[in-house]
Amino acid sequence: MPNGGDQNWIRLCAAIDGFWLRYKRWPTRIRINPVSLEDLRTHVFRPDIFASIERRLHFSPDDKAGMIAEDETGAYDYGNEGFPNERPNPDAARWLGNPPLNPGLY
């Protein structure tokens, strides 16, 4: 499990990558613990960068979810399934436009 300042970004990418590998399409929604969502929104990304990510994904706060990438027909639960065994090409970071992380993380 990642533990650095960008841990929630890494988890988000793992959930999205796992979803794509399973279904061969990108998710439309992320169910996410509210604390992790707030971390992404206020610490990991600048507001404009987070807004650009939200144009691709709907974030749904869920106290019982770790990080679940889903759409109306399927899901990949990073909290229960962990990192996928491989990475798609393009991977989640590239699909989201390789958003820059907040320089204050390092």
N, C-alpha and C. Protein backbone atom coordinates (compact mmCIF):
# COMPACT_ATOMS: atom_id res chain seq x y z
N MET A 1 0.85 -1.18 0.00
CA MET A 1 0.00 0.00 0.00
C MET A 1 0.89 1.23 0.00
N PRO A 2 0.58 2.21 -0.85
CA PRO A 2 1.37 3.44 -0.87
C PRO A 2 1.13 4.26 0.39
N ASN A 3 2.15 4.96 0.84
CA ASN A 3 2.01 5.75 2.05
C ASN A 3 2.54 7.16 1.92
N GLY A 4 2.96 7.59 0.72
CA GLY A 4 3.49 8.93 0.54
C GLY A 4 2.37 9.95 0.41
N GLY A 5 2.76 11.19 0.15
CA GLY A 5 1.79 12.26 0.00
C GLY A 5 0.85 12.07 -1.17
N ASP A 6 1.28 11.28 -2.15
CA ASP A 6 0.45 11.03 -3.32
C ASP A 6 -0.26 9.68 -3.26
N GLN A 7 -0.39 9.10 -2.07
CA GLN A 7 -0.97 7.76 -1.93
C GLN A 7 -2.37 7.64 -2.52
N ASN A 8 -3.20 8.65 -2.37
CA ASN A 8 -4.56 8.55 -2.91
C ASN A 8 -4.57 8.66 -4.43
N TRP A 9 -3.63 9.40 -5.00
CA TRP A 9 -3.49 9.44 -6.46
C TRP A 9 -3.10 8.05 -6.97
N ILE A 10 -2.17 7.40 -6.31
CA ILE A 10 -1.73 6.07 -6.73
C ILE A 10 -2.88 5.08 -6.61
N ARG A 11 -3.64 5.15 -5.55
CA ARG A 11 -4.79 4.26 -5.37
C ARG A 11 -5.86 4.53 -6.43
N LEU A 12 -6.10 5.80 -6.72
CA LEU A 12 -7.08 6.14 -7.75
C LEU A 12 -6.67 5.55 -9.09
N CYS A 13 -5.41 5.72 -9.45
CA CYS A 13 -4.91 5.16 -10.72
C CYS A 13 -5.02 3.64 -10.73
N ALA A 14 -4.72 2.99 -9.62
CA ALA A 14 -4.81 1.53 -9.55
C ALA A 14 -6.26 1.07 -9.76
N ALA A 15 -7.21 1.76 -9.15
CA ALA A 15 -8.62 1.40 -9.32
C ALA A 15 -9.05 1.58 -10.77
N ILE A 16 -8.66 2.69 -11.38
CA ILE A 16 -9.03 2.96 -12.78
C ILE A 16 -8.35 1.95 -13.71
N ASP A 17 -7.08 1.69 -13.49
CA ASP A 17 -6.36 0.71 -14.32
C ASP A 17 -6.99 -0.68 -14.19
N GLY A 18 -7.32 -1.07 -12.98
CA GLY A 18 -7.95 -2.38 -12.77
C GLY A 18 -9.29 -2.47 -13.48
N PHE A 19 -10.06 -1.40 -13.44
CA PHE A 19 -11.35 -1.38 -14.13
C PHE A 19 -11.14 -1.55 -15.63
N TRP A 20 -10.20 -0.78 -16.18
CA TRP A 20 -9.97 -0.85 -17.63
C TRP A 20 -9.50 -2.26 -18.04
N LEU A 21 -8.61 -2.84 -17.28
CA LEU A 21 -8.12 -4.18 -17.61
C LEU A 21 -9.25 -5.20 -17.57
N ARG A 22 -10.17 -5.06 -16.66
CA ARG A 22 -11.27 -6.01 -16.54
C ARG A 22 -12.32 -5.82 -17.64
N TYR A 23 -12.66 -4.56 -17.95
CA TYR A 23 -13.81 -4.29 -18.82
C TYR A 23 -13.44 -3.70 -20.19
N LYS A 24 -12.18 -3.32 -20.36
CA LYS A 24 -11.70 -2.71 -21.61
C LYS A 24 -12.45 -1.41 -21.94
N ARG A 25 -12.77 -0.68 -20.91
CA ARG A 25 -13.35 0.66 -21.04
C ARG A 25 -13.02 1.42 -19.74
N TRP A 26 -13.16 2.73 -19.81
CA TRP A 26 -12.86 3.56 -18.64
C TRP A 26 -14.09 3.67 -17.74
N PRO A 27 -13.88 3.79 -16.44
CA PRO A 27 -15.01 3.96 -15.52
C PRO A 27 -15.61 5.36 -15.66
N THR A 28 -16.80 5.51 -15.16
CA THR A 28 -17.46 6.82 -15.17
C THR A 28 -17.55 7.41 -13.77
N ARG A 29 -17.32 6.58 -12.75
CA ARG A 29 -17.53 7.02 -11.36
C ARG A 29 -16.49 6.37 -10.46
N ILE A 30 -16.14 7.10 -9.43
CA ILE A 30 -15.25 6.59 -8.37
C ILE A 30 -16.00 6.73 -7.05
N ARG A 31 -16.27 5.60 -6.40
CA ARG A 31 -16.76 5.65 -5.03
C ARG A 31 -15.53 5.70 -4.15
N ILE A 32 -15.49 6.68 -3.27
CA ILE A 32 -14.26 6.98 -2.54
C ILE A 32 -14.58 7.44 -1.13
N ASN A 33 -13.73 7.04 -0.21
CA ASN A 33 -13.87 7.50 1.17
C ASN A 33 -13.78 9.03 1.18
N PRO A 34 -14.67 9.70 1.90
CA PRO A 34 -14.66 11.18 1.92
C PRO A 34 -13.32 11.79 2.32
N VAL A 35 -12.58 11.15 3.23
CA VAL A 35 -11.28 11.68 3.64
C VAL A 35 -10.30 11.63 2.47
N SER A 36 -10.31 10.53 1.73
CA SER A 36 -9.43 10.41 0.55
C SER A 36 -9.82 11.42 -0.52
N LEU A 37 -11.11 11.61 -0.71
CA LEU A 37 -11.57 12.59 -1.70
C LEU A 37 -11.11 13.99 -1.31
N GLU A 38 -11.24 14.34 -0.06
CA GLU A 38 -10.81 15.66 0.39
C GLU A 38 -9.30 15.82 0.22
N ASP A 39 -8.55 14.76 0.46
CA ASP A 39 -7.10 14.82 0.26
C ASP A 39 -6.78 15.10 -1.21
N LEU A 40 -7.41 14.37 -2.13
CA LEU A 40 -7.18 14.62 -3.55
C LEU A 40 -7.55 16.05 -3.92
N ARG A 41 -8.69 16.49 -3.44
CA ARG A 41 -9.23 17.80 -3.81
C ARG A 41 -8.40 18.95 -3.25
N THR A 42 -7.88 18.81 -2.03
CA THR A 42 -7.25 19.96 -1.39
C THR A 42 -5.72 19.87 -1.24
N HIS A 43 -5.18 18.67 -1.28
CA HIS A 43 -3.74 18.52 -1.06
C HIS A 43 -2.98 17.98 -2.26
N VAL A 44 -3.56 17.03 -2.97
CA VAL A 44 -2.84 16.38 -4.06
C VAL A 44 -2.87 17.22 -5.33
N PHE A 45 -4.00 17.84 -5.62
CA PHE A 45 -4.14 18.63 -6.84
C PHE A 45 -4.57 20.05 -6.56
N ARG A 46 -4.14 20.95 -7.42
CA ARG A 46 -4.68 22.31 -7.39
C ARG A 46 -6.14 22.22 -7.83
N PRO A 47 -6.97 23.20 -7.45
CA PRO A 47 -8.39 23.15 -7.80
C PRO A 47 -8.66 23.02 -9.30
N ASP A 48 -7.89 23.70 -10.15
CA ASP A 48 -8.13 23.62 -11.59
C ASP A 48 -7.81 22.22 -12.13
N ILE A 49 -6.79 21.59 -11.58
CA ILE A 49 -6.43 20.24 -12.02
C ILE A 49 -7.50 19.25 -11.56
N PHE A 50 -7.95 19.39 -10.32
CA PHE A 50 -8.99 18.48 -9.83
C PHE A 50 -10.26 18.65 -10.65
N ALA A 51 -10.59 19.87 -11.01
CA ALA A 51 -11.78 20.12 -11.84
C ALA A 51 -11.65 19.43 -13.20
N SER A 52 -10.45 19.41 -13.76
CA SER A 52 -10.27 18.73 -15.05
C SER A 52 -10.46 17.22 -14.91
N ILE A 53 -10.06 16.65 -13.79
CA ILE A 53 -10.28 15.22 -13.54
C ILE A 53 -11.77 14.95 -13.38
N GLU A 54 -12.46 15.84 -12.69
CA GLU A 54 -13.90 15.68 -12.49
C GLU A 54 -14.69 15.74 -13.80
N ARG A 55 -14.11 16.29 -14.84
CA ARG A 55 -14.79 16.29 -16.13
C ARG A 55 -14.82 14.88 -16.74
N ARG A 56 -13.94 14.01 -16.30
CA ARG A 56 -13.90 12.63 -16.79
C ARG A 56 -14.58 11.65 -15.84
N LEU A 57 -14.52 11.94 -14.55
CA LEU A 57 -15.02 11.02 -13.52
C LEU A 57 -15.91 11.74 -12.53
N HIS A 58 -16.99 11.08 -12.15
CA HIS A 58 -17.82 11.57 -11.06
C HIS A 58 -17.31 10.94 -9.77
N PHE A 59 -17.03 11.74 -8.77
CA PHE A 59 -16.59 11.23 -7.47
C PHE A 59 -17.80 11.14 -6.55
N SER A 60 -18.01 9.95 -6.01
CA SER A 60 -19.14 9.70 -5.13
C SER A 60 -18.62 9.34 -3.74
N PRO A 61 -18.70 10.27 -2.77
CA PRO A 61 -18.23 9.96 -1.42
C PRO A 61 -19.00 8.79 -0.82
N ASP A 62 -18.27 7.87 -0.22
CA ASP A 62 -18.87 6.67 0.35
C ASP A 62 -18.01 6.24 1.53
N ASP A 63 -18.56 6.31 2.74
CA ASP A 63 -17.80 5.96 3.96
C ASP A 63 -17.32 4.52 3.96
N LYS A 64 -17.96 3.65 3.21
CA LYS A 64 -17.61 2.23 3.23
C LYS A 64 -16.70 1.82 2.07
N ALA A 65 -16.40 2.76 1.19
CA ALA A 65 -15.57 2.44 0.02
C ALA A 65 -14.14 2.87 0.26
N GLY A 66 -13.22 2.07 -0.21
CA GLY A 66 -11.81 2.46 -0.20
C GLY A 66 -11.55 3.30 -1.43
N MET A 67 -11.64 2.66 -2.59
CA MET A 67 -11.45 3.33 -3.88
C MET A 67 -12.02 2.35 -4.91
N ILE A 68 -13.22 2.63 -5.39
CA ILE A 68 -13.90 1.73 -6.32
C ILE A 68 -14.18 2.46 -7.62
N ALA A 69 -13.60 1.97 -8.70
CA ALA A 69 -13.87 2.50 -10.04
C ALA A 69 -15.03 1.70 -10.61
N GLU A 70 -16.03 2.39 -11.17
CA GLU A 70 -17.21 1.68 -11.63
C GLU A 70 -17.95 2.43 -12.72
N ASP A 71 -18.87 1.73 -13.33
CA ASP A 71 -19.88 2.33 -14.20
C ASP A 71 -21.17 1.59 -13.90
N GLU A 72 -22.16 1.73 -14.75
CA GLU A 72 -23.46 1.14 -14.47
C GLU A 72 -23.46 -0.39 -14.56
N THR A 73 -22.40 -0.99 -15.10
CA THR A 73 -22.41 -2.45 -15.27
C THR A 73 -21.31 -3.20 -14.55
N GLY A 74 -20.31 -2.52 -14.00
CA GLY A 74 -19.23 -3.25 -13.35
C GLY A 74 -18.39 -2.38 -12.45
N ALA A 75 -17.48 -3.02 -11.71
CA ALA A 75 -16.65 -2.28 -10.75
C ALA A 75 -15.31 -2.98 -10.56
N TYR A 76 -14.33 -2.19 -10.13
CA TYR A 76 -13.05 -2.71 -9.65
C TYR A 76 -12.80 -2.06 -8.31
N ASP A 77 -12.67 -2.86 -7.27
CA ASP A 77 -12.54 -2.38 -5.90
C ASP A 77 -11.08 -2.48 -5.46
N TYR A 78 -10.36 -1.37 -5.56
CA TYR A 78 -8.96 -1.36 -5.17
C TYR A 78 -8.80 -1.80 -3.71
N GLY A 79 -9.71 -1.39 -2.83
CA GLY A 79 -9.60 -1.73 -1.41
C GLY A 79 -9.61 -3.22 -1.15
N ASN A 80 -10.34 -3.99 -1.94
CA ASN A 80 -10.40 -5.44 -1.77
C ASN A 80 -9.52 -6.20 -2.75
N GLU A 81 -9.25 -5.61 -3.91
CA GLU A 81 -8.52 -6.33 -4.95
C GLU A 81 -7.06 -5.90 -5.10
N GLY A 82 -6.73 -4.73 -4.57
CA GLY A 82 -5.35 -4.26 -4.63
C GLY A 82 -4.94 -3.81 -6.03
N PHE A 83 -3.65 -3.74 -6.23
CA PHE A 83 -3.11 -3.31 -7.52
C PHE A 83 -3.38 -4.38 -8.57
N PRO A 84 -3.77 -3.97 -9.77
CA PRO A 84 -3.89 -4.96 -10.85
C PRO A 84 -2.52 -5.53 -11.20
N ASN A 85 -2.50 -6.69 -11.82
CA ASN A 85 -1.24 -7.38 -12.13
C ASN A 85 -0.47 -6.72 -13.26
N GLU A 86 -1.12 -5.89 -14.03
CA GLU A 86 -0.45 -5.19 -15.13
C GLU A 86 -1.04 -3.79 -15.25
N ARG A 87 -0.49 -3.01 -16.16
CA ARG A 87 -1.00 -1.67 -16.41
C ARG A 87 -1.45 -1.57 -17.85
N PRO A 88 -2.58 -0.94 -18.09
CA PRO A 88 -3.01 -0.79 -19.47
C PRO A 88 -2.19 0.27 -20.19
N ASN A 89 -2.29 0.29 -21.48
CA ASN A 89 -1.63 1.32 -22.27
C ASN A 89 -2.67 1.94 -23.20
N PRO A 90 -3.08 3.17 -22.96
CA PRO A 90 -2.56 4.09 -21.94
C PRO A 90 -3.08 3.72 -20.56
N ASP A 91 -2.36 4.15 -19.55
CA ASP A 91 -2.79 3.90 -18.19
C ASP A 91 -3.66 5.06 -17.70
N ALA A 92 -4.14 4.94 -16.47
CA ALA A 92 -5.06 5.94 -15.91
C ALA A 92 -4.46 7.34 -15.89
N ALA A 93 -3.20 7.44 -15.52
CA ALA A 93 -2.57 8.77 -15.47
C ALA A 93 -2.61 9.45 -16.83
N ARG A 94 -2.29 8.71 -17.87
CA ARG A 94 -2.33 9.29 -19.22
C ARG A 94 -3.76 9.60 -19.64
N TRP A 95 -4.70 8.71 -19.32
CA TRP A 95 -6.10 8.95 -19.66
C TRP A 95 -6.61 10.24 -19.00
N LEU A 96 -6.15 10.50 -17.80
CA LEU A 96 -6.56 11.71 -17.08
C LEU A 96 -5.70 12.92 -17.46
N GLY A 97 -4.80 12.76 -18.40
CA GLY A 97 -4.01 13.88 -18.89
C GLY A 97 -2.72 14.10 -18.14
N ASN A 98 -2.22 13.08 -17.44
CA ASN A 98 -0.99 13.22 -16.64
C ASN A 98 -1.02 14.48 -15.79
N PRO A 99 -2.04 14.61 -14.94
CA PRO A 99 -2.15 15.85 -14.15
C PRO A 99 -0.97 16.02 -13.22
N PRO A 100 -0.45 17.23 -13.13
CA PRO A 100 0.67 17.47 -12.21
C PRO A 100 0.20 17.39 -10.76
N LEU A 101 1.01 16.77 -9.95
CA LEU A 101 0.72 16.71 -8.52
C LEU A 101 1.13 18.00 -7.85
N ASN A 102 0.50 18.30 -6.77
CA ASN A 102 0.82 19.49 -5.99
C ASN A 102 2.28 19.42 -5.55
N PRO A 103 3.09 20.41 -5.91
CA PRO A 103 4.51 20.36 -5.56
C PRO A 103 4.76 20.32 -4.06
N GLY A 104 3.78 20.69 -3.25
CA GLY A 104 3.93 20.65 -1.80
C GLY A 104 3.98 19.23 -1.25
N LEU A 105 3.72 18.22 -2.09
CA LEU A 105 3.75 16.83 -1.62
C LEU A 105 5.17 16.35 -1.36
N TYR A 106 6.15 17.00 -1.95
CA TYR A 106 7.51 16.46 -1.92
C TYR A 106 8.47 17.36 -1.19
